[in-house]
Protein backbone atom coordinates (compact mmCIF):
# COMPACT_ATOMS: atom_id res chain seq x y z
CA UNK A 1 -38.00 20.89 43.95
CA UNK A 2 -36.28 17.93 45.61
CA UNK A 3 -37.58 15.63 42.85
CA UNK A 4 -36.25 18.00 40.17
CA UNK A 5 -32.77 18.02 41.78
CA UNK A 6 -32.79 14.20 42.04
CA UNK A 7 -33.93 13.92 38.45
CA UNK A 8 -31.20 16.35 37.29
CA UNK A 9 -28.55 14.43 39.22
CA UNK A 10 -29.76 11.17 37.71
CA UNK A 11 -29.52 12.62 34.18
CA UNK A 12 -26.02 13.98 34.85
CA UNK A 13 -24.97 10.62 36.29
CA UNK A 14 -26.33 8.70 33.29
CA UNK A 15 -24.62 11.14 30.93
CA UNK A 16 -21.28 10.59 32.66
CA UNK A 17 -21.70 6.82 32.54
CA UNK A 18 -22.68 6.90 28.86
CA UNK A 19 -19.74 9.15 28.02
CA UNK A 20 -17.23 7.02 29.90
CA UNK A 21 -18.58 3.86 28.25
CA UNK A 22 -18.29 5.52 24.87
CA UNK A 23 -14.69 6.50 25.63
CA UNK A 24 -13.94 2.94 26.74
CA UNK A 25 -15.38 1.60 23.49
CA UNK A 26 -13.25 4.05 21.50
CA UNK A 27 -10.16 3.08 23.50
CA UNK A 28 -10.94 -0.60 23.00
CA UNK A 29 -11.50 -0.02 19.28
CA UNK A 30 -8.24 1.90 19.01
CA UNK A 31 -6.41 -0.83 20.94
CA UNK A 32 -7.86 -3.47 18.60
CA UNK A 33 -6.77 -1.44 15.54
CA UNK A 34 -3.25 -1.11 16.97
CA UNK A 35 -3.11 -4.87 17.60
CA UNK A 36 -4.27 -5.63 14.06
CA UNK A 37 -1.75 -3.13 12.68
CA UNK A 38 1.06 -4.81 14.65
CA UNK A 39 -0.03 -8.23 13.37
CA UNK A 40 -0.08 -6.94 9.79
CA UNK A 41 3.37 -5.41 10.17
CA UNK A 42 4.62 -8.68 11.66
CA UNK A 43 3.21 -10.64 8.73
CA UNK A 44 4.83 -8.21 6.27
CA UNK A 45 8.22 -8.45 7.94
CA UNK A 46 8.18 -12.18 8.72
CA UNK A 47 8.44 -13.57 5.24
CA UNK A 48 11.94 -15.01 5.41
CA UNK A 49 10.71 -18.62 5.57
CA UNK A 50 7.99 -18.22 2.96
CA UNK A 51 8.21 -19.17 -0.68
CA UNK A 52 7.66 -15.83 -2.39
CA UNK A 53 6.53 -17.59 -5.56
CA UNK A 54 3.53 -18.93 -3.65
CA UNK A 55 2.99 -16.15 -1.11
CA UNK A 56 -0.58 -15.21 -0.35
CA UNK A 57 -0.61 -11.56 -1.36
CA UNK A 58 -4.05 -10.67 0.01
CA UNK A 59 -3.95 -7.16 -1.42
CA UNK A 60 -2.83 -8.35 -4.83
CA UNK A 61 -5.28 -11.25 -4.94
CA UNK A 62 -8.24 -9.12 -3.88
CA UNK A 63 -7.21 -6.38 -6.30
CA UNK A 64 -7.12 -8.89 -9.12
CA UNK A 65 -10.75 -9.84 -8.63
CA UNK A 66 -9.99 -13.52 -8.12
CA UNK A 67 -7.87 -13.87 -11.27
CA UNK A 68 -4.66 -15.90 -11.15
CA UNK A 69 -1.93 -13.81 -9.62
CA UNK A 70 1.43 -13.34 -11.23
CA UNK A 71 3.97 -16.02 -10.37
CA UNK A 72 7.68 -15.30 -10.64
CA UNK A 73 10.65 -17.45 -11.63
CA UNK A 74 12.62 -16.31 -8.59
CA UNK A 75 11.74 -15.61 -4.98
CA UNK A 76 13.82 -12.43 -5.08
CA UNK A 77 11.76 -10.96 -7.94
CA UNK A 78 8.51 -11.97 -6.22
CA UNK A 79 9.62 -10.10 -3.07
CA UNK A 80 10.65 -7.04 -5.07
CA UNK A 81 7.26 -6.96 -6.81
CA UNK A 82 5.40 -7.44 -3.53
CA UNK A 83 7.14 -4.42 -2.01
CA UNK A 84 6.64 -2.35 -5.18
CA UNK A 85 2.89 -3.06 -4.91
CA UNK A 86 3.09 -2.11 -1.20
CA UNK A 87 4.47 1.31 -2.20
CA UNK A 88 1.91 1.69 -5.01
CA UNK A 89 -0.99 0.88 -2.67
CA UNK A 90 0.30 3.36 -0.08
CA UNK A 91 0.47 6.09 -2.74
CA UNK A 92 -3.04 5.23 -3.98
CA UNK A 93 -4.17 5.74 -0.37
CA UNK A 94 -2.04 8.92 -0.05
CA UNK A 95 -0.29 7.33 2.94
CA UNK A 96 3.22 8.79 3.05
CA UNK A 97 4.36 6.84 6.12
CA UNK A 98 3.29 3.50 4.66
CA UNK A 99 5.01 4.40 1.37
CA UNK A 100 8.19 5.05 3.38
CA UNK A 101 7.95 1.59 4.97
CA UNK A 102 7.36 0.00 1.59
CA UNK A 103 10.29 1.89 0.08
CA UNK A 104 12.58 0.70 2.85
CA UNK A 105 11.50 -2.94 2.44
CA UNK A 106 11.80 -2.63 -1.34
CA UNK A 107 15.33 -1.25 -1.05
CA UNK A 108 16.32 -4.23 1.12
CA UNK A 109 14.66 -6.70 -1.26
CA UNK A 110 16.44 -5.23 -4.29
CA UNK A 111 19.82 -5.43 -2.53
CA UNK A 112 22.47 -5.27 -5.25
CA UNK A 113 20.42 -6.67 -8.14
CA UNK A 114 19.61 -3.18 -9.50
CA UNK A 115 21.53 -0.33 -7.88
CA UNK A 116 19.50 2.42 -9.59
CA UNK A 117 16.19 0.92 -8.42
CA UNK A 118 17.63 0.55 -4.91
CA UNK A 119 18.61 4.26 -4.80
CA UNK A 120 15.13 5.27 -5.98
CA UNK A 121 13.47 3.02 -3.36
CA UNK A 122 15.64 4.69 -0.71
CA UNK A 123 14.45 8.11 -1.94
CA UNK A 124 10.86 6.99 -1.38
CA UNK A 125 11.75 5.78 2.12
CA UNK A 126 13.43 9.09 3.00
CA UNK A 127 11.10 11.55 1.22
CA UNK A 128 9.65 14.41 3.22
CA UNK A 129 6.40 14.67 1.26
CA UNK A 130 4.14 12.44 -0.78
CA UNK A 131 4.65 14.34 -4.05
CA UNK A 132 8.40 13.57 -3.89
CA UNK A 133 7.51 9.93 -3.26
CA UNK A 134 5.20 9.91 -6.28
CA UNK A 135 7.89 11.38 -8.54
CA UNK A 136 10.42 8.82 -7.32
CA UNK A 137 7.83 6.06 -7.81
CA UNK A 138 7.48 7.10 -11.45
CA UNK A 139 11.26 6.75 -11.88
CA UNK A 140 11.15 3.43 -10.03
CA UNK A 141 8.51 2.09 -12.43
CA UNK A 142 10.93 2.37 -15.37
CA UNK A 143 13.41 0.23 -13.44
CA UNK A 144 10.71 -2.24 -12.38
CA UNK A 145 9.66 -2.78 -15.98
CA UNK A 146 13.20 -3.98 -16.73
CA UNK A 147 13.24 -6.18 -13.61
CA UNK A 148 9.90 -7.83 -14.46
CA UNK A 149 10.37 -8.47 -18.19
CA UNK A 150 10.98 -12.19 -18.59
CA UNK A 151 10.68 -12.76 -14.83
CA UNK A 152 7.12 -14.18 -14.71
CA UNK A 153 6.54 -17.91 -14.82
CA UNK A 154 2.74 -17.49 -15.08
CA UNK A 155 0.06 -14.84 -14.86
CA UNK A 156 0.52 -11.24 -15.88
CA UNK A 157 0.96 -7.71 -14.59
CA UNK A 158 -0.23 -4.49 -16.19
CA UNK A 159 1.66 -1.41 -17.31
CA UNK A 160 -0.74 1.48 -16.70
CA UNK A 161 -0.55 5.16 -17.60
CA UNK A 162 -2.12 8.43 -16.53
CA UNK A 163 -1.67 11.26 -19.06
CA UNK A 164 -2.49 13.93 -16.45
CA UNK A 165 0.20 12.99 -13.91
CA UNK A 166 3.01 15.45 -13.26
CA UNK A 167 1.34 18.48 -14.86
CA UNK A 168 0.18 16.56 -17.93
CA UNK A 169 3.61 15.03 -18.63
CA UNK A 170 2.14 11.63 -17.78
CA UNK A 171 3.24 8.82 -15.54
CA UNK A 172 3.38 5.01 -15.72
CA UNK A 173 2.99 2.41 -12.99
CA UNK A 174 2.77 -1.38 -12.84
CA UNK A 175 -0.24 -3.09 -11.30
CA UNK A 176 -1.24 -6.62 -10.39
CA UNK A 177 -4.79 -5.77 -11.43
CA UNK A 178 -6.53 -4.52 -14.57
CA UNK A 179 -8.61 -2.03 -12.60
CA UNK A 180 -7.04 1.42 -12.54
CA UNK A 181 -6.01 2.70 -9.10
CA UNK A 182 -3.90 5.77 -9.75
CA UNK A 183 -0.94 6.23 -7.36
CA UNK A 184 -0.24 9.76 -8.62
CA UNK A 185 -3.54 11.36 -7.60
CA UNK A 186 -4.93 9.03 -4.94
CA UNK A 187 -8.62 9.56 -4.31
CA UNK A 188 -8.62 12.88 -6.21
CA UNK A 189 -8.58 10.99 -9.52
CA UNK A 190 -8.45 7.36 -8.43
CA UNK A 191 -9.53 5.86 -11.75
CA UNK A 192 -7.68 8.20 -14.12
CA UNK A 193 -5.55 6.19 -16.53
CA UNK A 194 -5.52 3.15 -18.77
CA UNK A 195 -3.67 -0.12 -19.22
CA UNK A 196 -1.08 0.38 -21.96
CA UNK A 197 0.55 -3.04 -22.05
CA UNK A 198 0.72 -6.42 -20.34
CA UNK A 199 3.90 -7.96 -18.95
CA UNK A 200 3.82 -11.77 -19.03
């Protein structure tokens, strides 16, 4: 009986140790994720001294499958496009909070160059739900097409379309990649759509 009690206590003790170690690993993993997130946010925000024409857009470059990324004639347009892609990627991932951040940065990057686009970017930043953000993003895309036409010095971007977006009314978006990643449905219909034109 004494051996059974000792054995039971040993098992309980080992279980507690294993559980606490597991919790420590989770806490350490969460801490590491928070640190990486802070570093990413810092990199996104600290681009004042960078040349936007030659910025390393990891998301855009990886999305383009190693193809030459779009280069812009002006740093301002490069920054606007970078933040537009930030919003698009957040919507593809159905991440409302990240879309808000991207909308805010996009609004600041646009400044007074296109007041209508700036107002739409602010709507994305202030939206209370992701569907409102997606609708505003569709409106923003029409403005972005005007901003980007004639603004590239090399490379290309893609005007893409999903006929099923917005209750089959359809919706356009601009992408740095040929591969379809639908911002209007996220992972529900990630690859729904087609490239309709190329902006060079």
